[in-house]
Amino acid sequence: MAKLGFGTYRCSIESDTHFKALKHAIDLGCEVIDTSRNYTGGDSEKLIAKVLKETKKKPLLISKAGYIQGDLIEELSSKFPEDLVHINEGLMHSIHPKFLEDQLSRSLDSLGVDSIDVYLLHNPEYYLKTEGSTKKEYYSRIKKALIFLEKKVKEGKIKSYGISSNTFVEPKEDHLSTDIDIVMKQLKEIESHSFKYIQFPFNLIEMGALERQFDGEHLFERANHYNLKTIVNRPLNAFLDNGLLRLSNYITSPKLTDSFAEEVFIEKTKSIHELWEKEKEQGDETIYEIPLFKQISTLWYKQNSKDAVDQIFFTHFFPFVASIWGKDLTKEESQPFYELYELAQSYSEKNMNKRAESFKQTAINQGLLFESDKDLSLMAIEKYFMFGADIVLLGMRRKEYVDKVKEYFTL
């Protein structure tokens, strides 16, 4: 039976909105919750625990391990140095049994459960991105981790396990790819196993899972051949060379025009303009002539993703304001700048709608989708189940979005 699952990436116990959305989804029949030890620094798992305490329902609980980020880097990298993968200053990775033991223990504690239904190795292919990596060593690491997970099944700590890999969908000959055939061959060397799930990205643009590279079968068919359940992530977020394509539609205000954006920018930055004029020397540029500020003034409302908006405001605009102010801003002083940021997010939704509608029409013209008045996201979900996905994960962080997709919790 196909199911729509609640993906908790970016969900936190600190958000009452996230709590209400997850609780609402479970009340309406959502039977799958997906999380990971590293999601919002562990706060995602704590959110799930809080919600589960308020319901008698027992959805399928999926968690993952592999990432070492943030404040835990110094602690965990020194505690578990074996097979440690160094990606950059802010990211390390491991699937060594000793590390997995620690992460599983933390997850069980955070989730408030005695056993996790599905436990996944989280993007083990990070090892393949390191210099000198080999496929032989890669699959050796995976096998060692799978033997450990089988032990945890026998102990009752987990009920089943699998792998979440972005490279299941890559061509088998690529160095970064994860070949499900090789993984399953390794499992034959384990006396019995509870390897039952694979997770990978799939959407209407990134359709590598449909490449028939497994003796004429595509990944969904190959998984079915092995009696594996498939979990699809990133179903509505497609990454193209020119940015994110969001396969959904937001409700936006008709007032979000270019002229309105220009008027609002002048209004919301009036205080910093006045401060600049007061402090600048005679003959200096106006604030609107400074290259960075001028560029921000023309780009802030034209972004095609919320991540791009975050990049502009948190990396450039807010630090620039702080440097001009020369001291910490009061809540009242910073308010117009954050209002501008929130408006930029609304504009990004409008811009994403344009791209989504354009893609929808192209997909219909090419026969990928049938003509329909449905929201593109709903059309996409239906298509994924037609292709053979068992579970499709969505980040439903608001109750209204839960209501929008509730009919797909079980099909």
Protein backbone atom coordinates (compact mmCIF):
# COMPACT_ATOMS: atom_id res chain seq x y z
CA MET A 1 0.00 0.00 0.00
CA ALA A 2 1.46 3.38 -1.05
CA LYS A 3 1.73 6.00 1.65
CA LEU A 4 2.54 9.70 1.90
CA GLY A 5 4.94 10.28 4.78
CA PHE A 6 5.74 13.30 6.93
CA GLY A 7 9.34 14.40 6.33
CA THR A 8 10.70 16.33 9.30
CA TYR A 9 13.77 17.95 7.72
CA ARG A 10 13.88 21.51 9.16
CA CYS A 11 11.23 20.65 11.75
CA SER A 12 11.96 21.56 15.36
CA ILE A 13 10.46 21.12 18.81
CA GLU A 14 10.91 24.88 19.15
CA SER A 15 8.13 25.51 16.62
CA ASP A 16 4.52 25.27 17.72
CA THR A 17 3.52 25.43 14.04
CA HIS A 18 5.54 22.28 13.32
CA PHE A 19 4.04 20.52 16.32
CA LYS A 20 0.47 21.31 15.23
CA ALA A 21 1.19 20.22 11.64
CA LEU A 22 2.66 16.85 12.64
CA LYS A 23 -0.08 16.16 15.20
CA HIS A 24 -2.72 17.12 12.63
CA ALA A 25 -1.18 14.80 10.03
CA ILE A 26 -1.19 11.83 12.39
CA ASP A 27 -4.78 12.58 13.44
CA LEU A 28 -5.78 12.57 9.76
CA GLY A 29 -4.17 9.19 9.12
CA CYS A 30 -0.51 9.83 8.25
CA GLU A 31 1.22 6.49 8.91
CA VAL A 32 4.89 7.35 8.24
CA ILE A 33 7.27 9.82 9.91
CA ASP A 34 10.80 10.28 8.60
CA THR A 35 13.58 12.00 10.51
CA SER A 36 17.33 11.85 11.07
CA ARG A 37 19.65 12.31 14.01
CA ASN A 38 21.11 15.47 12.46
CA TYR A 39 17.82 17.20 11.54
CA THR A 40 17.78 20.57 13.36
CA GLY A 41 20.48 19.29 15.68
CA GLY A 42 18.28 16.54 17.10
CA ASP A 43 15.27 18.79 17.70
CA SER A 44 13.32 17.04 14.96
CA GLU A 45 13.39 13.77 16.90
CA LYS A 46 12.37 15.58 20.07
CA LEU A 47 9.41 17.10 18.23
CA ILE A 48 8.27 13.65 17.15
CA ALA A 49 8.53 12.37 20.72
CA LYS A 50 6.39 15.24 21.96
CA VAL A 51 3.72 14.55 19.35
CA LEU A 52 3.71 10.78 19.91
CA LYS A 53 3.00 11.34 23.60
CA GLU A 54 -0.30 12.96 22.63
CA THR A 55 -1.62 10.20 20.37
CA LYS A 56 -2.35 6.50 20.65
CA LYS A 57 -1.54 5.97 16.99
CA LYS A 58 1.78 4.35 16.11
CA PRO A 59 3.05 5.53 12.71
CA LEU A 60 6.02 3.86 11.04
CA LEU A 61 9.04 5.64 12.48
CA ILE A 62 12.12 6.11 10.28
CA SER A 63 15.39 7.64 11.45
CA LYS A 64 18.88 7.83 9.99
CA ALA A 65 22.50 8.32 11.05
CA GLY A 66 25.76 9.33 9.42
CA TYR A 67 26.17 13.08 9.68
CA ILE A 68 28.34 14.90 12.22
CA GLN A 69 27.61 18.63 12.26
CA GLY A 70 27.59 21.75 14.36
CA ASP A 71 28.44 21.64 18.04
CA LEU A 72 28.91 17.85 17.92
CA ILE A 73 31.87 17.89 15.54
CA GLU A 74 34.55 18.34 18.19
CA GLU A 75 32.96 15.85 20.59
CA LEU A 76 32.12 13.06 18.15
CA SER A 77 35.10 13.32 15.80
CA SER A 78 37.49 12.81 18.71
CA LYS A 79 35.33 10.11 20.28
CA PHE A 80 34.86 8.10 17.07
CA PRO A 81 37.93 8.63 14.86
CA GLU A 82 37.71 5.26 13.06
CA ASP A 83 36.65 5.53 9.39
CA LEU A 84 35.82 9.20 9.92
CA VAL A 85 35.15 11.11 6.69
CA HIS A 86 36.18 14.80 6.67
CA ILE A 87 34.03 16.82 4.25
CA ASN A 88 34.71 20.39 5.40
CA GLU A 89 35.03 22.39 8.61
CA GLY A 90 31.32 22.15 9.30
CA LEU A 91 30.65 18.58 8.22
CA MET A 92 32.01 15.11 8.92
CA HIS A 93 30.48 11.71 8.29
CA SER A 94 30.67 8.17 9.62
CA ILE A 95 28.88 4.83 9.41
CA HIS A 96 31.32 2.99 11.66
CA PRO A 97 29.51 0.64 14.11
CA LYS A 98 30.82 2.45 17.18
CA PHE A 99 29.47 5.77 15.87
CA LEU A 100 26.16 4.18 14.85
CA GLU A 101 25.82 2.69 18.33
CA ASP A 102 26.12 6.17 19.82
CA GLN A 103 23.70 7.74 17.34
CA LEU A 104 21.10 4.99 17.74
CA SER A 105 21.22 5.37 21.51
CA ARG A 106 20.72 9.13 21.22
CA SER A 107 17.85 8.69 18.76
CA LEU A 108 16.03 6.18 20.96
CA ASP A 109 16.36 8.59 23.86
CA SER A 110 15.24 11.65 21.87
CA LEU A 111 12.32 9.82 20.27
CA GLY A 112 11.24 8.33 23.57
CA VAL A 113 10.87 4.82 22.14
CA ASP A 114 12.37 1.40 22.86
CA SER A 115 12.74 0.50 19.17
CA ILE A 116 12.85 2.32 15.83
CA ASP A 117 10.88 0.76 12.97
CA VAL A 118 13.31 1.63 10.18
CA TYR A 119 16.93 2.72 10.69
CA LEU A 120 18.87 3.94 7.65
CA LEU A 121 22.51 4.63 6.87
CA HIS A 122 22.34 8.30 5.86
CA ASN A 123 24.18 9.12 2.62
CA PRO A 124 27.16 6.78 3.05
CA GLU A 125 28.44 7.95 -0.35
CA TYR A 126 30.13 10.90 1.35
CA TYR A 127 33.14 8.60 1.67
CA LEU A 128 33.35 8.41 -2.15
CA LYS A 129 33.81 12.18 -2.33
CA THR A 130 37.17 11.95 -0.55
CA GLU A 131 40.50 11.74 -2.32
CA GLY A 132 41.74 8.18 -2.77
CA SER A 133 38.38 6.57 -2.05
CA THR A 134 37.68 3.18 -3.62
CA LYS A 135 34.50 1.26 -4.29
CA LYS A 136 35.97 -1.80 -2.58
CA GLU A 137 36.47 0.14 0.66
CA TYR A 138 33.06 1.80 0.26
CA TYR A 139 31.14 -1.45 0.18
CA SER A 140 33.34 -2.87 2.93
CA ARG A 141 32.25 0.00 5.18
CA ILE A 142 28.61 -0.54 4.26
CA LYS A 143 28.81 -4.28 4.95
CA LYS A 144 30.36 -3.64 8.37
CA ALA A 145 27.53 -1.22 9.17
CA LEU A 146 24.84 -3.65 7.97
CA ILE A 147 26.21 -6.46 10.14
CA PHE A 148 26.00 -4.07 13.09
CA LEU A 149 22.40 -3.12 12.25
CA GLU A 150 21.41 -6.77 12.00
CA LYS A 151 22.76 -7.21 15.50
CA LYS A 152 20.57 -4.31 16.68
CA VAL A 153 17.52 -6.01 15.14
CA LYS A 154 18.24 -9.14 17.18
CA GLU A 155 18.59 -6.95 20.28
CA GLY A 156 15.21 -5.34 19.56
CA LYS A 157 16.62 -1.82 19.21
CA ILE A 158 15.44 -1.54 15.60
CA LYS A 159 12.93 -3.59 13.61
CA SER A 160 14.44 -3.20 10.14
CA TYR A 161 17.09 -1.19 8.34
CA GLY A 162 18.28 0.07 4.99
CA ILE A 163 20.17 2.81 3.20
CA SER A 164 19.27 6.36 2.26
CA SER A 165 21.54 7.38 -0.62
CA ASN A 166 21.32 10.18 -3.13
CA THR A 167 23.40 8.05 -5.51
CA PHE A 168 21.17 4.99 -5.83
CA VAL A 169 19.82 6.84 -8.87
CA GLU A 170 23.21 7.59 -10.46
CA PRO A 171 24.66 5.52 -13.36
CA LYS A 172 26.19 2.36 -11.92
CA GLU A 173 29.57 3.09 -13.52
CA ASP A 174 29.93 6.46 -11.75
CA HIS A 175 32.40 6.56 -8.88
CA LEU A 176 29.82 8.19 -6.57
CA SER A 177 27.05 5.72 -7.32
CA THR A 178 25.61 3.21 -4.86
CA ASP A 179 24.71 -0.03 -6.64
CA ILE A 180 21.75 -1.83 -5.05
CA ASP A 181 22.85 -5.10 -6.69
CA ILE A 182 26.20 -5.01 -4.89
CA VAL A 183 24.54 -4.13 -1.57
CA MET A 184 22.15 -7.06 -1.90
CA LYS A 185 24.99 -9.40 -2.86
CA GLN A 186 26.73 -8.46 0.38
CA LEU A 187 23.61 -9.23 2.36
CA LYS A 188 23.67 -12.80 1.09
CA GLU A 189 26.83 -13.22 3.16
CA ILE A 190 24.84 -12.32 6.29
CA GLU A 191 23.02 -15.39 7.60
CA SER A 192 19.68 -13.59 7.80
CA HIS A 193 18.87 -9.95 7.36
CA SER A 194 16.19 -7.33 7.90
CA PHE A 195 17.33 -4.97 5.13
CA LYS A 196 13.96 -3.80 3.84
CA TYR A 197 14.11 -0.15 2.72
CA ILE A 198 16.00 2.13 0.36
CA GLN A 199 15.53 5.89 0.18
CA PHE A 200 16.56 8.15 -2.69
CA PRO A 201 15.65 11.46 -4.40
CA PHE A 202 13.10 11.41 -7.19
CA ASN A 203 10.90 14.03 -8.81
CA LEU A 204 9.47 14.99 -12.19
CA ILE A 205 12.82 16.48 -13.26
CA GLU A 206 15.38 14.22 -11.58
CA MET A 207 14.18 10.84 -12.80
CA GLY A 208 17.34 8.75 -12.59
CA ALA A 209 15.41 6.04 -10.73
CA LEU A 210 13.64 5.22 -14.02
CA GLU A 211 16.84 4.46 -15.93
CA ARG A 212 16.77 0.77 -16.88
CA GLN A 213 20.30 -0.05 -15.80
CA PHE A 214 19.55 -3.23 -13.83
CA ASP A 215 19.28 -5.89 -16.55
CA GLY A 216 16.44 -3.93 -18.12
CA GLU A 217 14.80 -2.97 -14.82
CA HIS A 218 14.71 0.48 -13.28
CA LEU A 219 15.35 1.11 -9.57
CA PHE A 220 11.71 0.80 -8.48
CA GLU A 221 11.42 -2.54 -10.27
CA ARG A 222 14.76 -3.75 -8.96
CA ALA A 223 13.74 -2.91 -5.42
CA ASN A 224 10.52 -4.85 -5.89
CA HIS A 225 12.58 -7.77 -7.20
CA TYR A 226 14.45 -7.78 -3.88
CA ASN A 227 11.24 -7.27 -1.86
CA LEU A 228 12.44 -3.84 -0.76
CA LYS A 229 10.24 -0.85 -0.02
CA THR A 230 11.16 2.40 -1.77
CA ILE A 231 11.09 5.77 -0.02
CA VAL A 232 11.20 8.88 -2.22
CA ASN A 233 12.60 12.15 -0.88
CA ARG A 234 12.75 15.61 -2.46
CA PRO A 235 9.60 14.89 -4.50
CA LEU A 236 8.76 18.57 -4.99
CA ASN A 237 12.23 20.15 -5.02
CA ALA A 238 14.04 19.75 -8.33
CA PHE A 239 17.48 21.28 -8.73
CA LEU A 240 18.32 22.71 -12.13
CA ASP A 241 21.32 24.66 -13.42
CA ASN A 242 19.32 27.88 -13.07
CA GLY A 243 18.12 27.16 -9.53
CA LEU A 244 15.40 25.34 -7.65
CA LEU A 245 12.18 24.35 -9.36
CA ARG A 246 9.47 23.91 -6.73
CA LEU A 247 6.83 21.49 -8.06
CA SER A 248 4.00 23.08 -6.12
CA ASN A 249 1.91 26.23 -5.93
CA TYR A 250 1.82 28.83 -3.16
CA ILE A 251 -1.06 31.19 -2.45
CA THR A 252 0.34 34.69 -3.02
CA SER A 253 -0.99 38.24 -2.93
CA PRO A 254 -1.70 40.10 -6.23
CA LYS A 255 -0.01 43.21 -4.78
CA LEU A 256 3.44 41.62 -5.22
CA THR A 257 4.41 43.61 -8.31
CA ASP A 258 7.82 44.99 -9.31
CA SER A 259 6.73 48.56 -8.64
CA PHE A 260 5.45 47.61 -5.19
CA ALA A 261 8.78 45.92 -4.42
CA GLU A 262 10.71 49.05 -5.35
CA GLU A 263 8.47 51.25 -3.18
CA VAL A 264 8.72 48.88 -0.22
CA PHE A 265 12.50 48.67 -0.42
CA ILE A 266 12.83 52.45 -0.19
CA GLU A 267 10.36 52.56 2.70
CA LYS A 268 11.94 49.72 4.73
CA THR A 269 15.50 51.00 4.24
CA LYS A 270 14.65 54.61 5.01
CA SER A 271 16.29 54.48 8.44
CA ILE A 272 19.60 53.17 7.15
CA HIS A 273 19.57 55.71 4.34
CA GLU A 274 19.08 58.52 6.86
CA LEU A 275 21.86 57.17 9.08
CA TRP A 276 24.22 56.94 6.12
CA GLU A 277 23.47 60.49 5.01
CA LYS A 278 24.08 61.72 8.53
CA GLU A 279 27.43 59.96 8.93
CA LYS A 280 28.95 60.16 5.44
CA GLU A 281 31.59 62.69 4.47
CA GLN A 282 30.88 65.42 1.92
CA GLY A 283 31.22 64.03 -1.57
CA ASP A 284 30.83 60.40 -0.51
CA GLU A 285 28.48 58.11 -2.41
CA THR A 286 24.83 57.84 -1.41
CA ILE A 287 23.91 54.48 0.06
CA TYR A 288 22.06 53.59 -3.13
CA GLU A 289 25.31 54.03 -5.10
CA ILE A 290 27.25 51.51 -3.02
CA PRO A 291 27.60 48.42 -5.28
CA LEU A 292 26.47 45.85 -2.69
CA PHE A 293 23.42 47.84 -1.59
CA LYS A 294 22.51 48.67 -5.18
CA GLN A 295 22.72 45.01 -6.17
CA ILE A 296 20.58 43.91 -3.21
CA SER A 297 17.97 46.56 -4.05
CA THR A 298 17.46 45.01 -7.51
CA LEU A 299 17.73 41.32 -6.59
CA TRP A 300 16.00 40.88 -3.24
CA TYR A 301 12.54 40.20 -4.71
CA LYS A 302 13.57 38.22 -7.82
CA GLN A 303 14.77 34.97 -6.24
CA ASN A 304 13.43 31.55 -7.20
CA SER A 305 13.90 29.88 -3.82
CA LYS A 306 13.71 30.70 -0.13
CA ASP A 307 17.28 29.46 0.29
CA ALA A 308 18.41 32.12 -2.18
CA VAL A 309 16.55 34.75 -0.15
CA ASP A 310 18.28 33.52 3.00
CA GLN A 311 21.62 33.77 1.24
CA ILE A 312 21.04 37.41 0.25
CA PHE A 313 19.73 38.56 3.60
CA PHE A 314 21.78 36.58 6.11
CA THR A 315 25.06 36.57 4.20
CA HIS A 316 24.96 40.09 2.75
CA PHE A 317 22.11 42.42 3.72
CA PHE A 318 21.87 41.94 7.50
CA PRO A 319 25.69 42.05 8.00
CA PHE A 320 25.79 45.22 5.87
CA VAL A 321 23.09 46.87 8.00
CA ALA A 322 24.93 45.88 11.18
CA SER A 323 28.20 47.35 9.88
CA ILE A 324 26.52 50.67 9.08
CA TRP A 325 24.71 50.77 12.41
CA GLY A 326 27.92 50.13 14.30
CA LYS A 327 26.08 48.56 17.23
CA ASP A 328 23.36 46.03 18.00
CA LEU A 329 19.99 47.09 16.64
CA THR A 330 17.01 47.28 18.94
CA LYS A 331 13.91 45.26 18.12
CA GLU A 332 12.22 48.40 16.81
CA GLU A 333 15.22 49.34 14.67
CA SER A 334 15.53 45.89 13.10
CA GLN A 335 11.79 45.40 12.51
CA PRO A 336 11.58 46.98 9.02
CA PHE A 337 14.54 44.93 7.79
CA TYR A 338 12.95 41.66 8.92
CA GLU A 339 9.65 42.73 7.36
CA LEU A 340 11.56 43.20 4.11
CA TYR A 341 13.02 39.70 4.50
CA GLU A 342 9.58 38.17 5.03
CA LEU A 343 8.27 40.00 1.98
CA ALA A 344 11.22 38.66 -0.03
CA GLN A 345 10.13 35.16 0.95
CA SER A 346 6.65 35.91 -0.38
CA TYR A 347 8.10 37.16 -3.65
CA SER A 348 10.15 33.96 -3.95
CA GLU A 349 6.91 31.98 -3.63
CA LYS A 350 5.39 34.04 -6.42
CA ASN A 351 8.44 33.50 -8.62
CA MET A 352 8.41 29.77 -7.90
CA ASN A 353 4.75 29.66 -8.91
CA LYS A 354 5.61 31.09 -12.33
CA ARG A 355 8.26 28.45 -12.92
CA ALA A 356 6.00 25.68 -11.66
CA GLU A 357 3.13 26.68 -13.95
CA SER A 358 5.49 26.88 -16.93
CA PHE A 359 6.86 23.42 -16.16
CA LYS A 360 3.35 22.00 -15.63
CA GLN A 361 2.27 23.09 -19.09
CA THR A 362 5.43 21.71 -20.66
CA ALA A 363 4.95 18.39 -18.84
CA ILE A 364 1.35 18.18 -20.09
CA ASN A 365 2.39 19.01 -23.65
CA GLN A 366 5.05 16.28 -23.54
CA GLY A 367 2.70 13.68 -22.08
CA LEU A 368 4.41 13.37 -18.71
CA LEU A 369 1.29 14.69 -16.97
CA PHE A 370 -2.38 14.68 -17.94
CA GLU A 371 -4.35 17.91 -18.26
CA SER A 372 -5.77 18.77 -14.83
CA ASP A 373 -6.83 21.68 -12.64
CA LYS A 374 -5.09 20.06 -9.67
CA ASP A 375 -2.15 21.67 -7.94
CA LEU A 376 1.11 20.52 -9.54
CA SER A 377 2.24 18.96 -6.24
CA LEU A 378 -0.80 16.65 -6.16
CA MET A 379 -0.29 15.66 -9.78
CA ALA A 380 3.34 14.86 -9.02
CA ILE A 381 2.52 12.73 -5.97
CA GLU A 382 0.04 10.67 -7.98
CA LYS A 383 2.66 10.14 -10.68
CA TYR A 384 5.28 8.90 -8.20
CA PHE A 385 2.93 6.23 -6.92
CA MET A 386 2.20 5.22 -10.52
CA PHE A 387 5.94 4.77 -11.08
CA GLY A 388 6.11 2.39 -8.13
CA ALA A 389 7.11 4.43 -5.06
CA ASP A 390 5.95 2.85 -1.80
CA ILE A 391 6.46 5.92 0.40
CA VAL A 392 6.73 9.56 -0.69
CA LEU A 393 8.04 12.01 1.90
CA LEU A 394 6.79 15.59 2.11
CA GLY A 395 7.83 18.39 4.44
CA MET A 396 4.41 19.43 5.71
CA ARG A 397 5.35 22.11 8.21
CA ARG A 398 1.95 23.82 8.28
CA LYS A 399 -1.53 22.43 8.99
CA GLU A 400 -2.97 23.89 5.80
CA TYR A 401 -0.46 21.92 3.74
CA VAL A 402 -1.37 18.75 5.62
CA ASP A 403 -5.01 19.36 4.68
CA LYS A 404 -3.99 19.83 1.06
CA VAL A 405 -2.46 16.33 0.75
CA LYS A 406 -4.39 14.30 3.33
CA GLU A 407 -6.06 12.10 0.72
CA TYR A 408 -2.66 10.58 -0.10
CA PHE A 409 -1.75 9.34 3.41
CA THR A 410 -2.81 5.84 2.32
CA LEU A 411 -3.68 4.72 -1.20
